[in-house]
Amino acid sequence: GCGSSREHAPQSLYRAGFRAIIAGNFAEIFFGNATSLGMPCVSSSKESLEKLSSAIETDPSLEVVVDVENLQVRYGNEVMPCGITPSARDSLLNGSWDPLEELLTATKGIEETARNLPYA
């Protein structure tokens, strides 16, 4: 873990070049903050994680691919199953993970709602 569930924890990992996080489980706040950056947090079994960790220790330049659509992690010749909540998976696959982007594409609806507010 990175020792914090604050918003800056997943941001620092993202800025360091990580585009997905693989672990046994996640704190809910960390998971939500990472997902809002478009960074999938997938879980897998202890055995699979140990095997992946060993492979990375052997070859630190090993490419690891997190396939959110097919719920698998691929590295070398290995494929390991992973999991993610259905709502996070759906939002990552359809691009709705970014609340700012959703607001920017919904300007007509926002303007209409603002016009209809009784106190506007």
PDB file of N, CA and C in Angstrom:
ATOM      1  N   GLY A   1       0.831  -1.191   0.000  1.00  0.00           N
ATOM      2  CA  GLY A   1       0.000   0.000   0.000  1.00  0.00           C
ATOM      3  C   GLY A   1       0.863   1.236   0.000  1.00  0.00           C
ATOM      4  N   CYS A   2       0.229   2.352  -0.201  1.00  0.00           N
ATOM      5  CA  CYS A   2       0.957   3.622  -0.209  1.00  0.00           C
ATOM      6  C   CYS A   2       0.695   4.416   1.055  1.00  0.00           C
ATOM      7  N   GLY A   3      -0.007   3.818   2.034  1.00  0.00           N
ATOM      8  CA  GLY A   3      -0.131   4.428   3.333  1.00  0.00           C
ATOM      9  C   GLY A   3      -1.133   5.545   3.459  1.00  0.00           C
ATOM     10  N   SER A   4      -1.921   5.805   2.459  1.00  0.00           N
ATOM     11  CA  SER A   4      -2.882   6.891   2.554  1.00  0.00           C
ATOM     12  C   SER A   4      -4.038   6.640   1.609  1.00  0.00           C
ATOM     13  N   SER A   5      -5.206   7.060   2.052  1.00  0.00           N
ATOM     14  CA  SER A   5      -6.367   6.971   1.168  1.00  0.00           C
ATOM     15  C   SER A   5      -6.727   8.347   0.646  1.00  0.00           C
ATOM     16  N   ARG A   6      -5.936   9.342   0.976  1.00  0.00           N
ATOM     17  CA  ARG A   6      -6.221  10.692   0.510  1.00  0.00           C
ATOM     18  C   ARG A   6      -6.089  10.763  -1.005  1.00  0.00           C
ATOM     19  N   GLU A   7      -6.688  11.797  -1.537  1.00  0.00           N
ATOM     20  CA  GLU A   7      -6.716  11.956  -2.987  1.00  0.00           C
ATOM     21  C   GLU A   7      -5.323  11.996  -3.607  1.00  0.00           C
ATOM     22  N   HIS A   8      -4.339  12.545  -2.892  1.00  0.00           N
ATOM     23  CA  HIS A   8      -3.008  12.668  -3.484  1.00  0.00           C
ATOM     24  C   HIS A   8      -2.277  11.335  -3.597  1.00  0.00           C
ATOM     25  N   ALA A   9      -2.692  10.323  -2.853  1.00  0.00           N
ATOM     26  CA  ALA A   9      -2.007   9.026  -2.923  1.00  0.00           C
ATOM     27  C   ALA A   9      -2.121   8.409  -4.317  1.00  0.00           C
ATOM     28  N   PRO A  10      -3.332   8.222  -4.868  1.00  0.00           N
ATOM     29  CA  PRO A  10      -3.402   7.681  -6.225  1.00  0.00           C
ATOM     30  C   PRO A  10      -2.846   8.650  -7.270  1.00  0.00           C
ATOM     31  N   GLN A  11      -2.965   9.953  -7.013  1.00  0.00           N
ATOM     32  CA  GLN A  11      -2.403  10.921  -7.964  1.00  0.00           C
ATOM     33  C   GLN A  11      -0.891  10.784  -8.059  1.00  0.00           C
ATOM     34  N   SER A  12      -0.230  10.570  -6.940  1.00  0.00           N
ATOM     35  CA  SER A  12       1.230  10.435  -6.977  1.00  0.00           C
ATOM     36  C   SER A  12       1.641   9.168  -7.714  1.00  0.00           C
ATOM     37  N   LEU A  13       0.888   8.091  -7.536  1.00  0.00           N
ATOM     38  CA  LEU A  13       1.177   6.862  -8.285  1.00  0.00           C
ATOM     39  C   LEU A  13       0.964   7.086  -9.777  1.00  0.00           C
ATOM     40  N   TYR A  14      -0.113   7.782 -10.120  1.00  0.00           N
ATOM     41  CA  TYR A  14      -0.400   8.069 -11.532  1.00  0.00           C
ATOM     42  C   TYR A  14       0.713   8.925 -12.133  1.00  0.00           C
ATOM     43  N   ARG A  15       1.131   9.946 -11.406  1.00  0.00           N
ATOM     44  CA  ARG A  15       2.190  10.833 -11.905  1.00  0.00           C
ATOM     45  C   ARG A  15       3.536  10.124 -12.001  1.00  0.00           C
ATOM     46  N   ALA A  16       3.707   9.060 -11.224  1.00  0.00           N
ATOM     47  CA  ALA A  16       4.941   8.272 -11.298  1.00  0.00           C
ATOM     48  C   ALA A  16       4.920   7.298 -12.474  1.00  0.00           C
ATOM     49  N   GLY A  17       3.798   7.240 -13.195  1.00  0.00           N
ATOM     50  CA  GLY A  17       3.732   6.411 -14.391  1.00  0.00           C
ATOM     51  C   GLY A  17       2.874   5.170 -14.277  1.00  0.00           C
ATOM     52  N   PHE A  18       2.328   4.907 -13.105  1.00  0.00           N
ATOM     53  CA  PHE A  18       1.458   3.740 -12.950  1.00  0.00           C
ATOM     54  C   PHE A  18       0.111   4.031 -13.596  1.00  0.00           C
ATOM     55  N   ARG A  19      -0.420   3.055 -14.316  1.00  0.00           N
ATOM     56  CA  ARG A  19      -1.713   3.238 -14.970  1.00  0.00           C
ATOM     57  C   ARG A  19      -2.748   2.253 -14.464  1.00  0.00           C
ATOM     58  N   ALA A  20      -2.358   1.380 -13.558  1.00  0.00           N
ATOM     59  CA  ALA A  20      -3.275   0.434 -12.914  1.00  0.00           C
ATOM     60  C   ALA A  20      -2.612  -0.037 -11.628  1.00  0.00           C
ATOM     61  N   ILE A  21      -3.438  -0.474 -10.684  1.00  0.00           N
ATOM     62  CA  ILE A  21      -2.940  -0.999  -9.421  1.00  0.00           C
ATOM     63  C   ILE A  21      -3.510  -2.402  -9.244  1.00  0.00           C
ATOM     64  N   ILE A  22      -2.638  -3.340  -8.884  1.00  0.00           N
ATOM     65  CA  ILE A  22      -3.044  -4.733  -8.666  1.00  0.00           C
ATOM     66  C   ILE A  22      -2.736  -5.066  -7.210  1.00  0.00           C
ATOM     67  N   ALA A  23      -3.743  -5.527  -6.478  1.00  0.00           N
ATOM     68  CA  ALA A  23      -3.549  -5.857  -5.060  1.00  0.00           C
ATOM     69  C   ALA A  23      -4.585  -6.879  -4.629  1.00  0.00           C
ATOM     70  N   GLY A  24      -4.496  -7.279  -3.376  1.00  0.00           N
ATOM     71  CA  GLY A  24      -5.474  -8.213  -2.824  1.00  0.00           C
ATOM     72  C   GLY A  24      -6.806  -7.541  -2.554  1.00  0.00           C
ATOM     73  N   ASN A  25      -6.746  -6.292  -2.081  1.00  0.00           N
ATOM     74  CA  ASN A  25      -7.953  -5.504  -1.838  1.00  0.00           C
ATOM     75  C   ASN A  25      -7.566  -4.041  -1.708  1.00  0.00           C
ATOM     76  N   PHE A  26      -8.566  -3.185  -1.628  1.00  0.00           N
ATOM     77  CA  PHE A  26      -8.340  -1.745  -1.600  1.00  0.00           C
ATOM     78  C   PHE A  26      -9.253  -1.077  -0.586  1.00  0.00           C
ATOM     79  N   ALA A  27      -8.747  -0.018   0.040  1.00  0.00           N
ATOM     80  CA  ALA A  27      -9.611   0.828   0.853  1.00  0.00           C
ATOM     81  C   ALA A  27     -10.588   1.522  -0.099  1.00  0.00           C
ATOM     82  N   GLU A  28     -11.812   1.678   0.341  1.00  0.00           N
ATOM     83  CA  GLU A  28     -12.856   2.222  -0.529  1.00  0.00           C
ATOM     84  C   GLU A  28     -12.519   3.621  -1.050  1.00  0.00           C
ATOM     85  N   ILE A  29     -11.974   4.472  -0.179  1.00  0.00           N
ATOM     86  CA  ILE A  29     -11.653   5.839  -0.604  1.00  0.00           C
ATOM     87  C   ILE A  29     -10.532   5.827  -1.636  1.00  0.00           C
ATOM     88  N   PHE A  30      -9.485   5.045  -1.398  1.00  0.00           N
ATOM     89  CA  PHE A  30      -8.386   4.945  -2.357  1.00  0.00           C
ATOM     90  C   PHE A  30      -8.911   4.442  -3.696  1.00  0.00           C
ATOM     91  N   PHE A  31      -9.726   3.395  -3.648  1.00  0.00           N
ATOM     92  CA  PHE A  31     -10.291   2.803  -4.862  1.00  0.00           C
ATOM     93  C   PHE A  31     -11.061   3.857  -5.658  1.00  0.00           C
ATOM     94  N   GLY A  32     -11.912   4.609  -4.981  1.00  0.00           N
ATOM     95  CA  GLY A  32     -12.700   5.639  -5.657  1.00  0.00           C
ATOM     96  C   GLY A  32     -11.844   6.740  -6.243  1.00  0.00           C
ATOM     97  N   ASN A  33     -10.833   7.186  -5.490  1.00  0.00           N
ATOM     98  CA  ASN A  33      -9.954   8.243  -5.986  1.00  0.00           C
ATOM     99  C   ASN A  33      -9.137   7.775  -7.186  1.00  0.00           C
ATOM    100  N   ALA A  34      -8.658   6.549  -7.149  1.00  0.00           N
ATOM    101  CA  ALA A  34      -7.893   6.016  -8.283  1.00  0.00           C
ATOM    102  C   ALA A  34      -8.791   5.865  -9.506  1.00  0.00           C
ATOM    103  N   THR A  35      -9.985   5.345  -9.302  1.00  0.00           N
ATOM    104  CA  THR A  35     -10.915   5.162 -10.417  1.00  0.00           C
ATOM    105  C   THR A  35     -11.273   6.501 -11.046  1.00  0.00           C
ATOM    106  N   SER A  36     -11.407   7.547 -10.234  1.00  0.00           N
ATOM    107  CA  SER A  36     -11.749   8.862 -10.784  1.00  0.00           C
ATOM    108  C   SER A  36     -10.612   9.451 -11.611  1.00  0.00           C
ATOM    109  N   LEU A  37      -9.435   8.853 -11.533  1.00  0.00           N
ATOM    110  CA  LEU A  37      -8.310   9.235 -12.392  1.00  0.00           C
ATOM    111  C   LEU A  37      -8.239   8.354 -13.639  1.00  0.00           C
ATOM    112  N   GLY A  38      -9.136   7.371 -13.726  1.00  0.00           N
ATOM    113  CA  GLY A  38      -9.087   6.427 -14.836  1.00  0.00           C
ATOM    114  C   GLY A  38      -8.061   5.335 -14.614  1.00  0.00           C
ATOM    115  N   MET A  39      -7.640   5.149 -13.370  1.00  0.00           N
ATOM    116  CA  MET A  39      -6.624   4.159 -13.035  1.00  0.00           C
ATOM    117  C   MET A  39      -7.305   2.956 -12.378  1.00  0.00           C
ATOM    118  N   PRO A  40      -7.428   1.849 -13.108  1.00  0.00           N
ATOM    119  CA  PRO A  40      -8.101   0.675 -12.556  1.00  0.00           C
ATOM    120  C   PRO A  40      -7.373   0.106 -11.343  1.00  0.00           C
ATOM    121  N   CYS A  41      -8.149  -0.297 -10.355  1.00  0.00           N
ATOM    122  CA  CYS A  41      -7.646  -1.021  -9.188  1.00  0.00           C
ATOM    123  C   CYS A  41      -8.251  -2.411  -9.258  1.00  0.00           C
ATOM    124  N   VAL A  42      -7.450  -3.390  -9.628  1.00  0.00           N
ATOM    125  CA  VAL A  42      -7.956  -4.752  -9.757  1.00  0.00           C
ATOM    126  C   VAL A  42      -7.393  -5.619  -8.643  1.00  0.00           C
ATOM    127  N   SER A  43      -8.182  -6.582  -8.223  1.00  0.00           N
ATOM    128  CA  SER A  43      -7.754  -7.483  -7.156  1.00  0.00           C
ATOM    129  C   SER A  43      -7.529  -8.882  -7.716  1.00  0.00           C
ATOM    130  N   SER A  44      -6.682  -9.618  -7.013  1.00  0.00           N
ATOM    131  CA  SER A  44      -6.411 -10.992  -7.405  1.00  0.00           C
ATOM    132  C   SER A  44      -6.040 -11.782  -6.153  1.00  0.00           C
ATOM    133  N   SER A  45      -5.908 -13.079  -6.313  1.00  0.00           N
ATOM    134  CA  SER A  45      -5.605 -13.950  -5.172  1.00  0.00           C
ATOM    135  C   SER A  45      -4.173 -13.734  -4.689  1.00  0.00           C
ATOM    136  N   LYS A  46      -3.938 -14.116  -3.457  1.00  0.00           N
ATOM    137  CA  LYS A  46      -2.603 -14.006  -2.868  1.00  0.00           C
ATOM    138  C   LYS A  46      -1.591 -14.794  -3.686  1.00  0.00           C
ATOM    139  N   GLU A  47      -1.969 -15.986  -4.118  1.00  0.00           N
ATOM    140  CA  GLU A  47      -1.061 -16.829  -4.902  1.00  0.00           C
ATOM    141  C   GLU A  47      -0.694 -16.161  -6.226  1.00  0.00           C
ATOM    142  N   SER A  48      -1.692 -15.606  -6.905  1.00  0.00           N
ATOM    143  CA  SER A  48      -1.427 -14.931  -8.181  1.00  0.00           C
ATOM    144  C   SER A  48      -0.541 -13.715  -7.981  1.00  0.00           C
ATOM    145  N   LEU A  49      -0.798 -12.959  -6.912  1.00  0.00           N
ATOM    146  CA  LEU A  49       0.001 -11.768  -6.626  1.00  0.00           C
ATOM    147  C   LEU A  49       1.441 -12.132  -6.300  1.00  0.00           C
ATOM    148  N   GLU A  50       1.644 -13.219  -5.568  1.00  0.00           N
ATOM    149  CA  GLU A  50       3.002 -13.666  -5.248  1.00  0.00           C
ATOM    150  C   GLU A  50       3.748 -14.097  -6.505  1.00  0.00           C
ATOM    151  N   LYS A  51       3.051 -14.772  -7.400  1.00  0.00           N
ATOM    152  CA  LYS A  51       3.665 -15.205  -8.658  1.00  0.00           C
ATOM    153  C   LYS A  51       4.050 -13.991  -9.511  1.00  0.00           C
ATOM    154  N   LEU A  52       3.161 -13.004  -9.581  1.00  0.00           N
ATOM    155  CA  LEU A  52       3.444 -11.778 -10.324  1.00  0.00           C
ATOM    156  C   LEU A  52       4.625 -11.037  -9.700  1.00  0.00           C
ATOM    157  N   SER A  53       4.630 -10.916  -8.394  1.00  0.00           N
ATOM    158  CA  SER A  53       5.714 -10.229  -7.691  1.00  0.00           C
ATOM    159  C   SER A  53       7.056 -10.903  -7.962  1.00  0.00           C
ATOM    160  N   SER A  54       7.066 -12.214  -7.943  1.00  0.00           N
ATOM    161  CA  SER A  54       8.289 -12.963  -8.220  1.00  0.00           C
ATOM    162  C   SER A  54       8.773 -12.718  -9.649  1.00  0.00           C
ATOM    163  N   ALA A  55       7.841 -12.692 -10.594  1.00  0.00           N
ATOM    164  CA  ALA A  55       8.204 -12.450 -11.993  1.00  0.00           C
ATOM    165  C   ALA A  55       8.800 -11.055 -12.162  1.00  0.00           C
ATOM    166  N   ILE A  56       8.245 -10.069 -11.460  1.00  0.00           N
ATOM    167  CA  ILE A  56       8.759  -8.700 -11.557  1.00  0.00           C
ATOM    168  C   ILE A  56      10.118  -8.581 -10.876  1.00  0.00           C
ATOM    169  N   GLU A  57      10.316  -9.288  -9.772  1.00  0.00           N
ATOM    170  CA  GLU A  57      11.629  -9.289  -9.113  1.00  0.00           C
ATOM    171  C   GLU A  57      12.688  -9.876 -10.038  1.00  0.00           C
ATOM    172  N   THR A  58      12.325 -10.910 -10.788  1.00  0.00           N
ATOM    173  CA  THR A  58      13.245 -11.536 -11.734  1.00  0.00           C
ATOM    174  C   THR A  58      13.541 -10.609 -12.905  1.00  0.00           C
ATOM    175  N   ASP A  59      12.516  -9.911 -13.387  1.00  0.00           N
ATOM    176  CA  ASP A  59      12.670  -9.008 -14.528  1.00  0.00           C
ATOM    177  C   ASP A  59      11.907  -7.713 -14.259  1.00  0.00           C
ATOM    178  N   PRO A  60      12.564  -6.722 -13.642  1.00  0.00           N
ATOM    179  CA  PRO A  60      11.889  -5.468 -13.310  1.00  0.00           C
ATOM    180  C   PRO A  60      11.341  -4.703 -14.519  1.00  0.00           C
ATOM    181  N   SER A  61      11.814  -5.013 -15.716  1.00  0.00           N
ATOM    182  CA  SER A  61      11.305  -4.333 -16.911  1.00  0.00           C
ATOM    183  C   SER A  61      10.125  -5.078 -17.539  1.00  0.00           C
ATOM    184  N   LEU A  62       9.647  -6.110 -16.870  1.00  0.00           N
ATOM    185  CA  LEU A  62       8.539  -6.919 -17.374  1.00  0.00           C
ATOM    186  C   LEU A  62       7.301  -6.057 -17.607  1.00  0.00           C
ATOM    187  N   GLU A  63       6.726  -6.157 -18.785  1.00  0.00           N
ATOM    188  CA  GLU A  63       5.486  -5.435 -19.074  1.00  0.00           C
ATOM    189  C   GLU A  63       4.312  -6.192 -18.466  1.00  0.00           C
ATOM    190  N   VAL A  64       3.484  -5.472 -17.743  1.00  0.00           N
ATOM    191  CA  VAL A  64       2.289  -6.036 -17.121  1.00  0.00           C
ATOM    192  C   VAL A  64       1.091  -5.306 -17.708  1.00  0.00           C
ATOM    193  N   VAL A  65       0.156  -6.062 -18.262  1.00  0.00           N
ATOM    194  CA  VAL A  65      -1.031  -5.483 -18.896  1.00  0.00           C
ATOM    195  C   VAL A  65      -2.259  -5.856 -18.087  1.00  0.00           C
ATOM    196  N   VAL A  66      -3.010  -4.846 -17.660  1.00  0.00           N
ATOM    197  CA  VAL A  66      -4.272  -5.070 -16.961  1.00  0.00           C
ATOM    198  C   VAL A  66      -5.386  -4.912 -17.985  1.00  0.00           C
ATOM    199  N   ASP A  67      -6.079  -6.003 -18.243  1.00  0.00           N
ATOM    200  CA  ASP A  67      -7.179  -6.029 -19.209  1.00  0.00           C
ATOM    201  C   ASP A  67      -8.492  -5.974 -18.428  1.00  0.00           C
ATOM    202  N   VAL A  68      -9.024  -4.764 -18.288  1.00  0.00           N
ATOM    203  CA  VAL A  68     -10.245  -4.559 -17.504  1.00  0.00           C
ATOM    204  C   VAL A  68     -11.435  -5.237 -18.172  1.00  0.00           C
ATOM    205  N   GLU A  69     -11.480  -5.190 -19.484  1.00  0.00           N
ATOM    206  CA  GLU A  69     -12.617  -5.779 -20.199  1.00  0.00           C
ATOM    207  C   GLU A  69     -12.717  -7.282 -19.962  1.00  0.00           C
ATOM    208  N   ASN A  70     -11.586  -7.983 -20.047  1.00  0.00           N
ATOM    209  CA  ASN A  70     -11.578  -9.438 -19.908  1.00  0.00           C
ATOM    210  C   ASN A  70     -11.212  -9.915 -18.505  1.00  0.00           C
ATOM    211  N   LEU A  71     -11.036  -8.976 -17.583  1.00  0.00           N
ATOM    212  CA  LEU A  71     -10.722  -9.282 -16.178  1.00  0.00           C
ATOM    213  C   LEU A  71      -9.521 -10.212 -16.040  1.00  0.00           C
ATOM    214  N   GLN A  72      -8.420  -9.773 -16.642  1.00  0.00           N
ATOM    215  CA  GLN A  72      -7.189 -10.548 -16.532  1.00  0.00           C
ATOM    216  C   GLN A  72      -5.974  -9.628 -16.545  1.00  0.00           C
ATOM    217  N   VAL A  73      -4.904 -10.145 -15.973  1.00  0.00           N
ATOM    218  CA  VAL A  73      -3.612  -9.474 -15.974  1.00  0.00           C
ATOM    219  C   VAL A  73      -2.670 -10.375 -16.757  1.00  0.00           C
ATOM    220  N   ARG A  74      -1.976  -9.782 -17.737  1.00  0.00           N
ATOM    221  CA  ARG A  74      -1.052 -10.557 -18.566  1.00  0.00           C
ATOM    222  C   ARG A  74       0.371 -10.037 -18.365  1.00  0.00           C
ATOM    223  N   TYR A  75       1.295 -10.972 -18.250  1.00  0.00           N
ATOM    224  CA  TYR A  75       2.714 -10.632 -18.162  1.00  0.00           C
ATOM    225  C   TYR A  75       3.496 -11.845 -18.637  1.00  0.00           C
ATOM    226  N   GLY A  76       4.542 -11.595 -19.413  1.00  0.00           N
ATOM    227  CA  GLY A  76       5.296 -12.714 -19.982  1.00  0.00           C
ATOM    228  C   GLY A  76       4.343 -13.647 -20.704  1.00  0.00           C
ATOM    229  N   ASN A  77       4.411 -14.931 -20.388  1.00  0.00           N
ATOM    230  CA  ASN A  77       3.489 -15.915 -20.968  1.00  0.00           C
ATOM    231  C   ASN A  77       2.349 -16.252 -20.013  1.00  0.00           C
ATOM    232  N   GLU A  78       2.207 -15.475 -18.965  1.00  0.00           N
ATOM    233  CA  GLU A  78       1.219 -15.757 -17.922  1.00  0.00           C
ATOM    234  C   GLU A  78      -0.041 -14.903 -18.087  1.00  0.00           C
ATOM    235  N   VAL A  79      -1.148 -15.486 -17.690  1.00  0.00           N
ATOM    236  CA  VAL A  79      -2.428 -14.774 -17.621  1.00  0.00           C
ATOM    237  C   VAL A  79      -3.035 -15.106 -16.270  1.00  0.00           C
ATOM    238  N   MET A  80      -3.348 -14.081 -15.498  1.00  0.00           N
ATOM    239  CA  MET A  80      -3.966 -14.330 -14.193  1.00  0.00           C
ATOM    240  C   MET A  80      -5.308 -13.616 -14.121  1.00  0.00           C
ATOM    241  N   PRO A  81      -6.276 -14.232 -13.483  1.00  0.00           N
ATOM    242  CA  PRO A  81      -7.583 -13.592 -13.356  1.00  0.00           C
ATOM    243  C   PRO A  81      -7.515 -12.435 -12.361  1.00  0.00           C
ATOM    244  N   CYS A  82      -8.352 -11.452 -12.578  1.00  0.00           N
ATOM    245  CA  CYS A  82      -8.449 -10.342 -11.638  1.00  0.00           C
ATOM    246  C   CYS A  82      -9.907  -9.915 -11.538  1.00  0.00           C
ATOM    247  N   GLY A  83     -10.190  -9.106 -10.562  1.00  0.00           N
ATOM    248  CA  GLY A  83     -11.553  -8.642 -10.365  1.00  0.00           C
ATOM    249  C   GLY A  83     -11.597  -7.150 -10.123  1.00  0.00           C
ATOM    250  N   ILE A  84     -12.742  -6.575 -10.404  1.00  0.00           N
ATOM    251  CA  ILE A  84     -13.006  -5.161 -10.158  1.00  0.00           C
ATOM    252  C   ILE A  84     -14.514  -5.029 -10.019  1.00  0.00           C
ATOM    253  N   THR A  85     -14.967  -4.054  -9.261  1.00  0.00           N
ATOM    254  CA  THR A  85     -16.412  -3.911  -9.095  1.00  0.00           C
ATOM    255  C   THR A  85     -17.060  -3.651 -10.451  1.00  0.00           C
ATOM    256  N   PRO A  86     -18.248  -4.191 -10.676  1.00  0.00           N
ATOM    257  CA  PRO A  86     -18.915  -3.991 -11.969  1.00  0.00           C
ATOM    258  C   PRO A  86     -19.103  -2.514 -12.327  1.00  0.00           C
ATOM    259  N   SER A  87     -19.433  -1.671 -11.353  1.00  0.00           N
ATOM    260  CA  SER A  87     -19.650  -0.255 -11.668  1.00  0.00           C
ATOM    261  C   SER A  87     -18.352   0.423 -12.101  1.00  0.00           C
ATOM    262  N   ALA A  88     -17.237   0.115 -11.439  1.00  0.00           N
ATOM    263  CA  ALA A  88     -15.950   0.694 -11.831  1.00  0.00           C
ATOM    264  C   ALA A  88     -15.526   0.164 -13.196  1.00  0.00           C
ATOM    265  N   ARG A  89     -15.720  -1.110 -13.416  1.00  0.00           N
ATOM    266  CA  ARG A  89     -15.374  -1.713 -14.713  1.00  0.00           C
ATOM    267  C   ARG A  89     -16.151  -1.033 -15.830  1.00  0.00           C
ATOM    268  N   ASP A  90     -17.458  -0.894 -15.638  1.00  0.00           N
ATOM    269  CA  ASP A  90     -18.293  -0.263 -16.662  1.00  0.00           C
ATOM    270  C   ASP A  90     -17.863   1.178 -16.927  1.00  0.00           C
ATOM    271  N   SER A  91     -17.604   1.940 -15.869  1.00  0.00           N
ATOM    272  CA  SER A  91     -17.226   3.343 -16.066  1.00  0.00           C
ATOM    273  C   SER A  91     -15.869   3.467 -16.759  1.00  0.00           C
ATOM    274  N   LEU A  92     -14.935   2.570 -16.450  1.00  0.00           N
ATOM    275  CA  LEU A  92     -13.632   2.607 -17.116  1.00  0.00           C
ATOM    276  C   LEU A  92     -13.751   2.212 -18.585  1.00  0.00           C
ATOM    277  N   LEU A  93     -14.616   1.263 -18.875  1.00  0.00           N
ATOM    278  CA  LEU A  93     -14.768   0.810 -20.258  1.00  0.00           C
ATOM    279  C   LEU A  93     -15.532   1.806 -21.121  1.00  0.00           C
ATOM    280  N   ASN A  94     -16.505   2.513 -20.536  1.00  0.00           N
ATOM    281  CA  ASN A  94     -17.282   3.442 -21.368  1.00  0.00           C
ATOM    282  C   ASN A  94     -16.832   4.889 -21.228  1.00  0.00           C
ATOM    283  N   GLY A  95     -15.783   5.123 -20.445  1.00  0.00           N
ATOM    284  CA  GLY A  95     -15.211   6.462 -20.346  1.00  0.00           C
ATOM    285  C   GLY A  95     -15.925   7.395 -19.391  1.00  0.00           C
ATOM    286  N   SER A  96     -16.839   6.885 -18.601  1.00  0.00           N
ATOM    287  CA  SER A  96     -17.581   7.763 -17.693  1.00  0.00           C
ATOM    288  C   SER A  96     -16.928   7.885 -16.322  1.00  0.00           C
ATOM    289  N   TRP A  97     -15.681   7.488 -16.194  1.00  0.00           N
ATOM    290  CA  TRP A  97     -14.966   7.574 -14.918  1.00  0.00           C
ATOM    291  C   TRP A  97     -14.593   9.004 -14.566  1.00  0.00           C
ATOM    292  N   ASP A  98     -14.568   9.886 -15.540  1.00  0.00           N
ATOM    293  CA  ASP A  98     -14.116  11.259 -15.330  1.00  0.00           C
ATOM    294  C   ASP A  98     -15.310  12.186 -15.112  1.00  0.00           C
ATOM    295  N   PRO A  99     -15.587  12.590 -13.865  1.00  0.00           N
ATOM    296  CA  PRO A  99     -16.756  13.432 -13.613  1.00  0.00           C
ATOM    297  C   PRO A  99     -16.676  14.789 -14.304  1.00  0.00           C
ATOM    298  N   LEU A 100     -15.486  15.343 -14.474  1.00  0.00           N
ATOM    299  CA  LEU A 100     -15.353  16.624 -15.165  1.00  0.00           C
ATOM    300  C   LEU A 100     -15.762  16.483 -16.627  1.00  0.00           C
ATOM    301  N   GLU A 101     -15.326  15.412 -17.267  1.00  0.00           N
ATOM    302  CA  GLU A 101     -15.703  15.172 -18.662  1.00  0.00           C
ATOM    303  C   GLU A 101     -17.214  15.016 -18.789  1.00  0.00           C
ATOM    304  N   GLU A 102     -17.821  14.332 -17.833  1.00  0.00           N
ATOM    305  CA  GLU A 102     -19.277  14.181 -17.862  1.00  0.00           C
ATOM    306  C   GLU A 102     -19.964  15.534 -17.757  1.00  0.00           C
ATOM    307  N   LEU A 103     -19.460  16.401 -16.895  1.00  0.00           N
ATOM    308  CA  LEU A 103     -20.039  17.741 -16.779  1.00  0.00           C
ATOM    309  C   LEU A 103     -19.873  18.536 -18.066  1.00  0.00           C
ATOM    310  N   LEU A 104     -18.692  18.466 -18.656  1.00  0.00           N
ATOM    311  CA  LEU A 104     -18.427  19.226 -19.873  1.00  0.00           C
ATOM    312  C   LEU A 104     -19.282  18.767 -21.049  1.00  0.00           C
ATOM    313  N   THR A 105     -19.633  17.496 -21.083  1.00  0.00           N
ATOM    314  CA  THR A 105     -20.458  16.995 -22.185  1.00  0.00           C
ATOM    315  C   THR A 105     -21.948  17.124 -21.893  1.00  0.00           C
ATOM    316  N   ALA A 106     -22.287  17.579 -20.702  1.00  0.00           N
ATOM    317  CA  ALA A 106     -23.701  17.698 -20.327  1.00  0.00           C
ATOM    318  C   ALA A 106     -24.123  19.151 -20.158  1.00  0.00           C
ATOM    319  N   THR A 107     -23.483  20.072 -20.873  1.00  0.00           N
ATOM    320  CA  THR A 107     -23.763  21.494 -20.661  1.00  0.00           C
ATOM    321  C   THR A 107     -25.214  21.862 -20.946  1.00  0.00           C
ATOM    322  N   LYS A 108     -25.814  21.281 -21.968  1.00  0.00           N
ATOM    323  CA  LYS A 108     -27.219  21.608 -22.268  1.00  0.00           C
ATOM    324  C   LYS A 108     -28.129  21.222 -21.108  1.00  0.00           C
ATOM    325  N   GLY A 109     -27.937  20.042 -20.581  1.00  0.00           N
ATOM    326  CA  GLY A 109     -28.747  19.589 -19.456  1.00  0.00           C
ATOM    327  C   GLY A 109     -28.519  20.425 -18.211  1.00  0.00           C
ATOM    328  N   ILE A 110     -27.278  20.820 -17.997  1.00  0.00           N
ATOM    329  CA  ILE A 110     -26.952  21.650 -16.835  1.00  0.00           C
ATOM    330  C   ILE A 110     -27.616  23.018 -16.969  1.00  0.00           C
ATOM    331  N   GLU A 111     -27.511  23.609 -18.163  1.00  0.00           N
ATOM    332  CA  GLU A 111     -28.126  24.920 -18.391  1.00  0.00           C
ATOM    333  C   GLU A 111     -29.642  24.847 -18.239  1.00  0.00           C
ATOM    334  N   GLU A 112     -30.251  23.789 -18.745  1.00  0.00           N
ATOM    335  CA  GLU A 112     -31.698  23.630 -18.625  1.00  0.00           C
ATOM    336  C   GLU A 112     -32.110  23.480 -17.161  1.00  0.00           C
ATOM    337  N   THR A 113     -31.373  22.696 -16.430  1.00  0.00           N
ATOM    338  CA  THR A 113     -31.665  22.527 -15.004  1.00  0.00           C
ATOM    339  C   THR A 113     -31.528  23.856 -14.270  1.00  0.00           C
ATOM    340  N   ALA A 114     -30.478  24.609 -14.576  1.00  0.00           N
ATOM    341  CA  ALA A 114     -30.261  25.909 -13.935  1.00  0.00           C
ATOM    342  C   ALA A 114     -31.413  26.866 -14.236  1.00  0.00           C
ATOM    343  N   ARG A 115     -31.903  26.858 -15.471  1.00  0.00           N
ATOM    344  CA  ARG A 115     -33.031  27.731 -15.838  1.00  0.00           C
ATOM    345  C   ARG A 115     -34.302  27.363 -15.081  1.00  0.00           C
ATOM    346  N   ASN A 116     -34.461  26.098 -14.766  1.00  0.00           N
ATOM    347  CA  ASN A 116     -35.681  25.627 -14.113  1.00  0.00           C
ATOM    348  C   ASN A 116     -35.628  25.661 -12.590  1.00  0.00           C
ATOM    349  N   LEU A 117     -34.514  26.061 -12.036  1.00  0.00           N
ATOM    350  CA  LEU A 117     -34.425  26.144 -10.577  1.00  0.00           C
ATOM    351  C   LEU A 117     -35.281  27.305 -10.077  1.00  0.00           C
ATOM    352  N   PRO A 118     -36.069  27.095  -9.048  1.00  0.00           N
ATOM    353  CA  PRO A 118     -36.968  28.146  -8.576  1.00  0.00           C
ATOM    354  C   PRO A 118     -36.240  29.346  -7.966  1.00  0.00           C
ATOM    355  N   TYR A 119     -35.020  29.173  -7.564  1.00  0.00           N
ATOM    356  CA  TYR A 119     -34.287  30.265  -6.933  1.00  0.00           C
ATOM    357  C   TYR A 119     -33.258  30.902  -7.859  1.00  0.00           C
ATOM    358  N   ALA A 120     -33.245  30.483  -9.113  1.00  0.00           N
ATOM    359  CA  ALA A 120     -32.245  31.006 -10.053  1.00  0.00           C
ATOM    360  C   ALA A 120     -32.623  32.378 -10.564  1.00  0.00           C
TER     361      ALA A 120
END
